[in-house]
Amino acid sequence: MSEMSSAYVPPLELTSGQPAPIAANGGLSYMSFDKDGDAGTTTAIEDALQLIEAGEGQAIIDLIENAPPGPIETK
């Protein structure tokens, strides 16, 4: 019997000169933390609970809500 493979997660790519991602894990998809076919859900929930416990969730909400309007300017 063959084992089922993990979900495909493409490698993380960043545009040269862009600021670091504000997302958890440096922008790496939670799919890359797949355990027994959960698609990274266990890790995502653990991280969310830690944010709630530490009170950091509100800081992220404020960052998003206070982002400047308009499109992102690129070169």
C-alpha atoms as a PDB file:
ATOM      1  CA  MET A   1       0.000   0.000   0.000  1.00  0.00           C
ATOM      2  CA  SER A   2       1.355   3.442  -0.847  1.00  0.00           C
ATOM      3  CA  GLU A   3       1.201   6.395   1.496  1.00  0.00           C
ATOM      4  CA  MET A   4      -0.693   9.494   0.475  1.00  0.00           C
ATOM      5  CA  SER A   5       1.615  12.389  -0.201  1.00  0.00           C
ATOM      6  CA  SER A   6       1.359  15.731   1.544  1.00  0.00           C
ATOM      7  CA  ALA A   7      -0.433  18.578  -0.148  1.00  0.00           C
ATOM      8  CA  TYR A   8       1.654  20.400  -2.726  1.00  0.00           C
ATOM      9  CA  VAL A   9       2.912  23.719  -1.411  1.00  0.00           C
ATOM     10  CA  PRO A  10       4.882  25.858  -3.859  1.00  0.00           C
ATOM     11  CA  PRO A  11       8.096  27.405  -2.540  1.00  0.00           C
ATOM     12  CA  LEU A  12       7.867  30.841  -0.977  1.00  0.00           C
ATOM     13  CA  GLU A  13       8.900  33.568  -3.406  1.00  0.00           C
ATOM     14  CA  LEU A  14       9.528  37.196  -2.473  1.00  0.00           C
ATOM     15  CA  THR A  15       9.969  40.136  -4.814  1.00  0.00           C
ATOM     16  CA  SER A  16      13.380  41.762  -4.506  1.00  0.00           C
ATOM     17  CA  GLY A  17      13.207  44.872  -2.342  1.00  0.00           C
ATOM     18  CA  GLN A  18       9.783  44.213  -0.863  1.00  0.00           C
ATOM     19  CA  PRO A  19       9.376  44.471   2.913  1.00  0.00           C
ATOM     20  CA  ALA A  20       9.248  41.302   4.960  1.00  0.00           C
ATOM     21  CA  PRO A  21       5.827  39.617   5.151  1.00  0.00           C
ATOM     22  CA  ILE A  22       3.686  40.482   8.171  1.00  0.00           C
ATOM     23  CA  ALA A  23       2.137  37.025   8.033  1.00  0.00           C
ATOM     24  CA  ALA A  24       3.002  34.251  10.435  1.00  0.00           C
ATOM     25  CA  ASN A  25       5.972  32.053   9.590  1.00  0.00           C
ATOM     26  CA  GLY A  26       7.462  34.714   7.342  1.00  0.00           C
ATOM     27  CA  GLY A  27       4.640  34.271   4.848  1.00  0.00           C
ATOM     28  CA  LEU A  28       5.085  30.508   4.519  1.00  0.00           C
ATOM     29  CA  SER A  29       1.758  28.758   3.914  1.00  0.00           C
ATOM     30  CA  TYR A  30       0.278  26.795   6.795  1.00  0.00           C
ATOM     31  CA  MET A  31      -0.189  24.013   4.220  1.00  0.00           C
ATOM     32  CA  SER A  32       3.542  23.361   4.603  1.00  0.00           C
ATOM     33  CA  PHE A  33       2.853  22.296   8.215  1.00  0.00           C
ATOM     34  CA  ASP A  34       0.509  19.500   7.096  1.00  0.00           C
ATOM     35  CA  LYS A  35       0.274  16.670   9.651  1.00  0.00           C
ATOM     36  CA  ASP A  36      -1.705  13.560   8.818  1.00  0.00           C
ATOM     37  CA  GLY A  37      -3.679  15.393   6.133  1.00  0.00           C
ATOM     38  CA  ASP A  38      -4.866  18.317   8.274  1.00  0.00           C
ATOM     39  CA  ALA A  39      -3.483  20.875   5.766  1.00  0.00           C
ATOM     40  CA  GLY A  40      -1.707  22.723   8.583  1.00  0.00           C
ATOM     41  CA  THR A  41      -4.915  23.404  10.493  1.00  0.00           C
ATOM     42  CA  THR A  42      -3.501  22.193  13.823  1.00  0.00           C
ATOM     43  CA  THR A  43      -0.531  24.564  13.588  1.00  0.00           C
ATOM     44  CA  ALA A  44      -2.752  27.460  12.468  1.00  0.00           C
ATOM     45  CA  ILE A  45      -5.098  26.979  15.422  1.00  0.00           C
ATOM     46  CA  GLU A  46      -2.176  26.734  17.870  1.00  0.00           C
ATOM     47  CA  ASP A  47      -0.753  30.001  16.510  1.00  0.00           C
ATOM     48  CA  ALA A  48      -4.156  31.716  16.666  1.00  0.00           C
ATOM     49  CA  LEU A  49      -4.660  30.698  20.288  1.00  0.00           C
ATOM     50  CA  GLN A  50      -1.194  32.011  21.181  1.00  0.00           C
ATOM     51  CA  LEU A  51      -2.002  35.362  19.528  1.00  0.00           C
ATOM     52  CA  ILE A  52      -5.254  35.612  21.471  1.00  0.00           C
ATOM     53  CA  GLU A  53      -3.527  34.721  24.745  1.00  0.00           C
ATOM     54  CA  ALA A  54      -0.754  37.267  24.159  1.00  0.00           C
ATOM     55  CA  GLY A  55      -3.175  39.993  23.051  1.00  0.00           C
ATOM     56  CA  GLU A  56      -1.309  40.420  19.767  1.00  0.00           C
ATOM     57  CA  GLY A  57      -4.402  39.873  17.642  1.00  0.00           C
ATOM     58  CA  GLN A  58      -5.591  43.443  18.154  1.00  0.00           C
ATOM     59  CA  ALA A  59      -2.238  44.802  16.974  1.00  0.00           C
ATOM     60  CA  ILE A  60      -2.637  42.926  13.685  1.00  0.00           C
ATOM     61  CA  ILE A  61      -6.209  44.183  13.269  1.00  0.00           C
ATOM     62  CA  ASP A  62      -5.020  47.760  13.878  1.00  0.00           C
ATOM     63  CA  LEU A  63      -2.195  47.340  11.351  1.00  0.00           C
ATOM     64  CA  ILE A  64      -4.591  46.157   8.655  1.00  0.00           C
ATOM     65  CA  GLU A  65      -7.296  48.731   9.422  1.00  0.00           C
ATOM     66  CA  ASN A  66      -4.777  51.599   9.403  1.00  0.00           C
ATOM     67  CA  ALA A  67      -3.048  50.589   6.170  1.00  0.00           C
ATOM     68  CA  PRO A  68      -2.774  53.432   3.667  1.00  0.00           C
ATOM     69  CA  PRO A  69      -5.496  53.527   1.000  1.00  0.00           C
ATOM     70  CA  GLY A  70      -4.900  52.868  -2.650  1.00  0.00           C
ATOM     71  CA  PRO A  71      -2.943  50.365  -4.661  1.00  0.00           C
ATOM     72  CA  ILE A  72       0.513  49.088  -3.813  1.00  0.00           C
ATOM     73  CA  GLU A  73       3.091  50.952  -5.869  1.00  0.00           C
ATOM     74  CA  THR A  74       5.612  48.786  -7.679  1.00  0.00           C
ATOM     75  CA  LYS A  75       8.546  49.500  -9.941  1.00  0.00           C
END
